[in-house]
Amino acid sequence: MWPRVDGMRALELGSPDEMRVRLNSLVLDGAKRATTGLLAEYVEETEGLEYVGERLALVDVDGVRVATVEVTGVERTAFAEVTWAHAAAEGEGDADLEEWRAGHRRFWDSEGAPVEDDTPVVCLAFRVVETV
């Protein structure tokens, strides 16, 4: 199961190091309004998908809530079918969809979870509703 923080599922962006610090900063600055995860992680953790209106605890590298976000969209799709609109909403400065795909492939490869074009992913959109 995903960790629970303050009664909510935790949203742990990236890896628990400087990457998470950077990604959380983008969320708190309003630049990052989306993220993408592997469907296999939900299966492995026996977690259901998030749902529109669900509130998640955005956590730092120590697992402490830094903000509450509300899910505004959930889509299950293949990695190759992720849209530029979603990728751009991730707010990480990618110039185009190919750059976004290459960066995500590198990340998941480094985590031991390489992706193919048909790998199922979950695209989440969210908005910050409270900062701590």
Protein backbone atom coordinates (compact mmCIF):
# COMPACT_ATOMS: atom_id res chain seq x y z
CA MET A 1 0.00 0.00 0.00
CA TRP A 2 1.03 3.60 -0.53
CA PRO A 3 2.01 5.37 2.67
CA ARG A 4 -0.75 7.35 4.39
CA VAL A 5 -0.04 10.81 5.77
CA ASP A 6 -2.57 12.83 7.74
CA GLY A 7 -5.30 10.40 6.64
CA MET A 8 -4.53 10.75 2.91
CA ARG A 9 -2.59 8.68 0.42
CA ALA A 10 0.88 10.11 -0.04
CA LEU A 11 2.00 11.56 -3.36
CA GLU A 12 5.73 10.82 -3.55
CA LEU A 13 7.11 12.46 -6.68
CA GLY A 14 10.27 11.10 -8.27
CA SER A 15 12.96 9.56 -6.11
CA PRO A 16 13.43 10.59 -2.46
CA ASP A 17 16.39 12.89 -3.05
CA GLU A 18 17.09 16.18 -4.82
CA MET A 19 14.69 15.10 -7.58
CA ARG A 20 11.74 15.14 -5.15
CA VAL A 21 12.84 18.50 -3.77
CA ARG A 22 12.87 19.93 -7.32
CA LEU A 23 9.54 18.37 -8.32
CA ASN A 24 7.81 19.49 -5.12
CA SER A 25 9.10 23.02 -5.71
CA LEU A 26 7.55 22.96 -9.17
CA VAL A 27 4.22 21.88 -7.65
CA LEU A 28 4.34 24.57 -4.97
CA ASP A 29 5.24 27.20 -7.58
CA GLY A 30 2.25 26.16 -9.70
CA ALA A 31 4.31 24.95 -12.66
CA LYS A 32 3.70 21.23 -12.10
CA ARG A 33 0.04 20.22 -12.27
CA ALA A 34 0.40 16.60 -13.40
CA THR A 35 2.44 13.45 -12.98
CA THR A 36 2.66 10.00 -14.54
CA GLY A 37 3.08 6.66 -12.82
CA LEU A 38 3.37 3.06 -13.88
CA LEU A 39 0.20 1.00 -13.59
CA ALA A 40 2.39 -1.92 -12.44
CA GLU A 41 3.20 0.03 -9.25
CA TYR A 42 -0.50 0.16 -8.36
CA VAL A 43 -0.78 -3.59 -8.90
CA GLU A 44 2.38 -4.28 -6.88
CA GLU A 45 1.17 -2.10 -4.01
CA THR A 46 -2.45 -3.38 -4.28
CA GLU A 47 -3.70 0.19 -4.66
CA GLY A 48 -6.69 1.40 -6.64
CA LEU A 49 -6.30 4.35 -8.97
CA GLU A 50 -6.81 7.81 -7.60
CA TYR A 51 -10.15 9.43 -8.37
CA VAL A 52 -11.23 12.95 -9.26
CA GLY A 53 -11.76 14.90 -6.07
CA GLU A 54 -9.44 12.73 -3.97
CA ARG A 55 -7.00 14.66 -1.83
CA LEU A 56 -3.39 13.48 -1.59
CA ALA A 57 -0.61 14.47 0.78
CA LEU A 58 2.35 15.77 -1.23
CA VAL A 59 5.34 14.63 0.84
CA ASP A 60 8.98 15.63 1.05
CA VAL A 61 12.02 13.33 1.19
CA ASP A 62 11.28 12.58 4.87
CA GLY A 63 7.65 11.66 4.22
CA VAL A 64 6.34 14.88 5.76
CA ARG A 65 3.35 16.56 4.10
CA VAL A 66 4.28 19.84 2.44
CA ALA A 67 0.96 20.38 0.66
CA THR A 68 -2.41 18.86 -0.09
CA VAL A 69 -3.35 18.37 -3.72
CA GLU A 70 -6.73 17.51 -5.17
CA VAL A 71 -6.91 15.14 -8.13
CA THR A 72 -8.58 16.83 -11.12
CA GLY A 73 -8.04 14.10 -13.70
CA VAL A 74 -7.08 10.43 -13.96
CA GLU A 75 -6.36 8.59 -17.19
CA ARG A 76 -4.98 5.11 -17.80
CA THR A 77 -3.19 4.86 -21.15
CA ALA A 78 -0.17 3.38 -22.90
CA PHE A 79 3.15 5.20 -22.47
CA ALA A 80 3.27 6.07 -26.19
CA GLU A 81 -0.26 7.54 -25.99
CA VAL A 82 0.48 10.16 -23.32
CA THR A 83 -0.49 13.51 -24.81
CA TRP A 84 1.64 16.61 -25.05
CA ALA A 85 -0.99 18.47 -23.01
CA HIS A 86 -0.42 16.08 -20.10
CA ALA A 87 3.37 16.04 -20.51
CA ALA A 88 3.52 19.84 -20.61
CA ALA A 89 1.35 20.04 -17.47
CA GLU A 90 4.07 18.08 -15.67
CA GLY A 91 5.93 21.40 -15.80
CA GLU A 92 9.44 19.99 -15.90
CA GLY A 93 10.62 22.10 -18.84
CA ASP A 94 10.52 19.50 -21.59
CA ALA A 95 10.59 21.10 -25.05
CA ASP A 96 8.38 18.45 -26.66
CA LEU A 97 6.84 15.03 -26.19
CA GLU A 98 9.97 13.18 -27.33
CA GLU A 99 12.06 14.92 -24.66
CA TRP A 100 9.41 14.09 -22.05
CA ARG A 101 9.38 10.43 -23.12
CA ALA A 102 13.18 10.18 -23.09
CA GLY A 103 13.37 11.67 -19.58
CA HIS A 104 10.70 9.35 -18.23
CA ARG A 105 12.33 6.34 -19.85
CA ARG A 106 15.66 7.27 -18.20
CA PHE A 107 14.00 7.66 -14.81
CA TRP A 108 12.11 4.36 -14.94
CA ASP A 109 15.17 2.56 -16.33
CA SER A 110 17.17 3.86 -13.35
CA GLU A 111 14.45 2.52 -11.04
CA GLY A 112 14.68 -0.94 -12.64
CA ALA A 113 11.34 -0.59 -14.44
CA PRO A 114 12.05 -0.02 -18.15
CA VAL A 115 9.05 1.00 -20.23
CA GLU A 116 7.98 0.13 -23.76
CA ASP A 117 5.52 2.06 -25.92
CA ASP A 118 2.69 -0.21 -24.77
CA THR A 119 3.52 -0.06 -21.05
CA PRO A 120 0.37 0.98 -19.14
CA VAL A 121 0.71 4.27 -17.25
CA VAL A 122 -1.56 6.40 -15.10
CA CYS A 123 -1.73 10.12 -15.87
CA LEU A 124 -2.80 12.25 -12.90
CA ALA A 125 -3.73 15.90 -13.01
CA PHE A 126 -4.02 17.84 -9.76
CA ARG A 127 -4.17 21.25 -8.12
CA VAL A 128 -2.74 22.46 -4.83
CA VAL A 129 -5.46 23.16 -2.30
CA GLU A 130 -3.31 23.74 0.79
CA THR A 131 0.34 24.27 1.64
CA VAL A 132 1.75 23.36 5.02
